[in-house]
Amino acid sequence: MQSRHPSPLYVRLLWMAAIWAGSVIALLAVAGLLRLVMRQ
């Protein structure tokens, strides 16, 4: 996907925020699963 002009700054910030939030949620989910497994 190529455009004539580079993507605006806010688009990059939105992508970074989405990726960061996704990674944080994934880490929290893994931590929660590990806690459940450790309890048993």
PDB file of N, CA and C in Angstrom:
ATOM      1  N   MET A   1       0.852  -1.196   0.000  1.00  0.00           N
ATOM      2  CA  MET A   1       0.000   0.000   0.000  1.00  0.00           C
ATOM      3  C   MET A   1       0.887   1.244   0.000  1.00  0.00           C
ATOM      4  N   GLN A   2       0.972   1.898  -1.119  1.00  0.00           N
ATOM      5  CA  GLN A   2       1.809   3.087  -1.231  1.00  0.00           C
ATOM      6  C   GLN A   2       0.947   4.301  -1.540  1.00  0.00           C
ATOM      7  N   SER A   3       1.247   5.403  -0.872  1.00  0.00           N
ATOM      8  CA  SER A   3       0.528   6.643  -1.141  1.00  0.00           C
ATOM      9  C   SER A   3       1.533   7.694  -1.603  1.00  0.00           C
ATOM     10  N   ARG A   4       1.047   8.724  -2.253  1.00  0.00           N
ATOM     11  CA  ARG A   4       1.965   9.744  -2.773  1.00  0.00           C
ATOM     12  C   ARG A   4       2.653  10.508  -1.640  1.00  0.00           C
ATOM     13  N   HIS A   5       1.936  10.710  -0.566  1.00  0.00           N
ATOM     14  CA  HIS A   5       2.514  11.445   0.571  1.00  0.00           C
ATOM     15  C   HIS A   5       2.590  10.515   1.776  1.00  0.00           C
ATOM     16  N   PRO A   6       3.567  10.713   2.658  1.00  0.00           N
ATOM     17  CA  PRO A   6       3.672   9.868   3.863  1.00  0.00           C
ATOM     18  C   PRO A   6       2.455  10.053   4.758  1.00  0.00           C
ATOM     19  N   SER A   7       2.145   9.012   5.510  1.00  0.00           N
ATOM     20  CA  SER A   7       0.973   9.090   6.380  1.00  0.00           C
ATOM     21  C   SER A   7       1.184  10.167   7.441  1.00  0.00           C
ATOM     22  N   PRO A   8       0.124  10.858   7.814  1.00  0.00           N
ATOM     23  CA  PRO A   8       0.235  11.928   8.825  1.00  0.00           C
ATOM     24  C   PRO A   8       0.713  11.382  10.169  1.00  0.00           C
ATOM     25  N   LEU A   9       1.156  12.298  11.004  1.00  0.00           N
ATOM     26  CA  LEU A   9       1.705  11.897  12.304  1.00  0.00           C
ATOM     27  C   LEU A   9       0.641  11.225  13.164  1.00  0.00           C
ATOM     28  N   TYR A  10      -0.592  11.741  13.126  1.00  0.00           N
ATOM     29  CA  TYR A  10      -1.622  11.167  14.007  1.00  0.00           C
ATOM     30  C   TYR A  10      -1.954   9.738  13.610  1.00  0.00           C
ATOM     31  N   VAL A  11      -1.808   9.414  12.325  1.00  0.00           N
ATOM     32  CA  VAL A  11      -2.069   8.028  11.911  1.00  0.00           C
ATOM     33  C   VAL A  11      -1.019   7.109  12.524  1.00  0.00           C
ATOM     34  N   ARG A  12       0.242   7.542  12.492  1.00  0.00           N
ATOM     35  CA  ARG A  12       1.301   6.726  13.107  1.00  0.00           C
ATOM     36  C   ARG A  12       1.068   6.599  14.605  1.00  0.00           C
ATOM     37  N   LEU A  13       0.660   7.697  15.246  1.00  0.00           N
ATOM     38  CA  LEU A  13       0.414   7.648  16.696  1.00  0.00           C
ATOM     39  C   LEU A  13      -0.728   6.693  17.007  1.00  0.00           C
ATOM     40  N   LEU A  14      -1.772   6.708  16.166  1.00  0.00           N
ATOM     41  CA  LEU A  14      -2.899   5.791  16.388  1.00  0.00           C
ATOM     42  C   LEU A  14      -2.436   4.347  16.259  1.00  0.00           C
ATOM     43  N   TRP A  15      -1.622   4.062  15.239  1.00  0.00           N
ATOM     44  CA  TRP A  15      -1.122   2.692  15.063  1.00  0.00           C
ATOM     45  C   TRP A  15      -0.276   2.285  16.260  1.00  0.00           C
ATOM     46  N   MET A  16       0.624   3.179  16.707  1.00  0.00           N
ATOM     47  CA  MET A  16       1.479   2.849  17.855  1.00  0.00           C
ATOM     48  C   MET A  16       0.625   2.622  19.100  1.00  0.00           C
ATOM     49  N   ALA A  17      -0.384   3.454  19.309  1.00  0.00           N
ATOM     50  CA  ALA A  17      -1.245   3.301  20.485  1.00  0.00           C
ATOM     51  C   ALA A  17      -2.007   1.980  20.416  1.00  0.00           C
ATOM     52  N   ALA A  18      -2.496   1.626  19.238  1.00  0.00           N
ATOM     53  CA  ALA A  18      -3.254   0.378  19.095  1.00  0.00           C
ATOM     54  C   ALA A  18      -2.351  -0.828  19.350  1.00  0.00           C
ATOM     55  N   ILE A  19      -1.144  -0.802  18.782  1.00  0.00           N
ATOM     56  CA  ILE A  19      -0.220  -1.929  18.980  1.00  0.00           C
ATOM     57  C   ILE A  19       0.190  -2.011  20.452  1.00  0.00           C
ATOM     58  N   TRP A  20       0.458  -0.845  21.074  1.00  0.00           N
ATOM     59  CA  TRP A  20       0.869  -0.839  22.480  1.00  0.00           C
ATOM     60  C   TRP A  20      -0.247  -1.372  23.368  1.00  0.00           C
ATOM     61  N   ALA A  21      -1.474  -0.911  23.119  1.00  0.00           N
ATOM     62  CA  ALA A  21      -2.609  -1.381  23.923  1.00  0.00           C
ATOM     63  C   ALA A  21      -2.808  -2.883  23.726  1.00  0.00           C
ATOM     64  N   GLY A  22      -2.681  -3.352  22.498  1.00  0.00           N
ATOM     65  CA  GLY A  22      -2.850  -4.784  22.234  1.00  0.00           C
ATOM     66  C   GLY A  22      -1.813  -5.616  22.962  1.00  0.00           C
ATOM     67  N   SER A  23      -0.562  -5.152  22.953  1.00  0.00           N
ATOM     68  CA  SER A  23       0.482  -5.919  23.633  1.00  0.00           C
ATOM     69  C   SER A  23       0.255  -5.920  25.140  1.00  0.00           C
ATOM     70  N   VAL A  24      -0.181  -4.792  25.688  1.00  0.00           N
ATOM     71  CA  VAL A  24      -0.440  -4.721  27.132  1.00  0.00           C
ATOM     72  C   VAL A  24      -1.586  -5.658  27.511  1.00  0.00           C
ATOM     73  N   ILE A  25      -2.652  -5.654  26.713  1.00  0.00           N
ATOM     74  CA  ILE A  25      -3.793  -6.534  27.006  1.00  0.00           C
ATOM     75  C   ILE A  25      -3.366  -7.993  26.911  1.00  0.00           C
ATOM     76  N   ALA A  26      -2.542  -8.310  25.911  1.00  0.00           N
ATOM     77  CA  ALA A  26      -2.072  -9.693  25.758  1.00  0.00           C
ATOM     78  C   ALA A  26      -1.236 -10.095  26.970  1.00  0.00           C
ATOM     79  N   LEU A  27      -0.357  -9.208  27.430  1.00  0.00           N
ATOM     80  CA  LEU A  27       0.472  -9.527  28.601  1.00  0.00           C
ATOM     81  C   LEU A  27      -0.404  -9.731  29.832  1.00  0.00           C
ATOM     82  N   LEU A  28      -1.419  -8.885  30.012  1.00  0.00           N
ATOM     83  CA  LEU A  28      -2.306  -9.036  31.167  1.00  0.00           C
ATOM     84  C   LEU A  28      -3.063 -10.358  31.086  1.00  0.00           C
ATOM     85  N   ALA A  29      -3.506 -10.731  29.895  1.00  0.00           N
ATOM     86  CA  ALA A  29      -4.239 -11.990  29.736  1.00  0.00           C
ATOM     87  C   ALA A  29      -3.332 -13.173  30.071  1.00  0.00           C
ATOM     88  N   VAL A  30      -2.097 -13.140  29.578  1.00  0.00           N
ATOM     89  CA  VAL A  30      -1.153 -14.231  29.869  1.00  0.00           C
ATOM     90  C   VAL A  30      -0.869 -14.286  31.365  1.00  0.00           C
ATOM     91  N   ALA A  31      -0.685 -13.129  31.995  1.00  0.00           N
ATOM     92  CA  ALA A  31      -0.420 -13.112  33.436  1.00  0.00           C
ATOM     93  C   ALA A  31      -1.608 -13.689  34.200  1.00  0.00           C
ATOM     94  N   GLY A  32      -2.820 -13.338  33.791  1.00  0.00           N
ATOM     95  CA  GLY A  32      -4.008 -13.872  34.461  1.00  0.00           C
ATOM     96  C   GLY A  32      -4.097 -15.379  34.308  1.00  0.00           C
ATOM     97  N   LEU A  33      -3.812 -15.884  33.107  1.00  0.00           N
ATOM     98  CA  LEU A  33      -3.857 -17.337  32.892  1.00  0.00           C
ATOM     99  C   LEU A  33      -2.794 -18.032  33.737  1.00  0.00           C
ATOM    100  N   LEU A  34      -1.605 -17.439  33.808  1.00  0.00           N
ATOM    101  CA  LEU A  34      -0.539 -18.048  34.615  1.00  0.00           C
ATOM    102  C   LEU A  34      -0.954 -18.095  36.083  1.00  0.00           C
ATOM    103  N   ARG A  35      -1.595 -17.039  36.564  1.00  0.00           N
ATOM    104  CA  ARG A  35      -2.040 -17.038  37.969  1.00  0.00           C
ATOM    105  C   ARG A  35      -3.050 -18.154  38.203  1.00  0.00           C
ATOM    106  N   LEU A  36      -3.995 -18.319  37.277  1.00  0.00           N
ATOM    107  CA  LEU A  36      -4.995 -19.385  37.431  1.00  0.00           C
ATOM    108  C   LEU A  36      -4.311 -20.752  37.433  1.00  0.00           C
ATOM    109  N   VAL A  37      -3.339 -20.939  36.557  1.00  0.00           N
ATOM    110  CA  VAL A  37      -2.647 -22.235  36.491  1.00  0.00           C
ATOM    111  C   VAL A  37      -1.843 -22.468  37.764  1.00  0.00           C
ATOM    112  N   MET A  38      -1.195 -21.419  38.278  1.00  0.00           N
ATOM    113  CA  MET A  38      -0.365 -21.586  39.478  1.00  0.00           C
ATOM    114  C   MET A  38      -1.231 -21.934  40.693  1.00  0.00           C
ATOM    115  N   ARG A  39      -2.455 -21.418  40.730  1.00  0.00           N
ATOM    116  CA  ARG A  39      -3.308 -21.690  41.898  1.00  0.00           C
ATOM    117  C   ARG A  39      -3.643 -23.176  41.982  1.00  0.00           C
ATOM    118  N   GLN A  40      -3.844 -23.808  40.847  1.00  0.00           N
ATOM    119  CA  GLN A  40      -4.284 -25.205  40.875  1.00  0.00           C
ATOM    120  C   GLN A  40      -3.175 -26.170  41.251  1.00  0.00           C
TER     121      GLN A  40
END
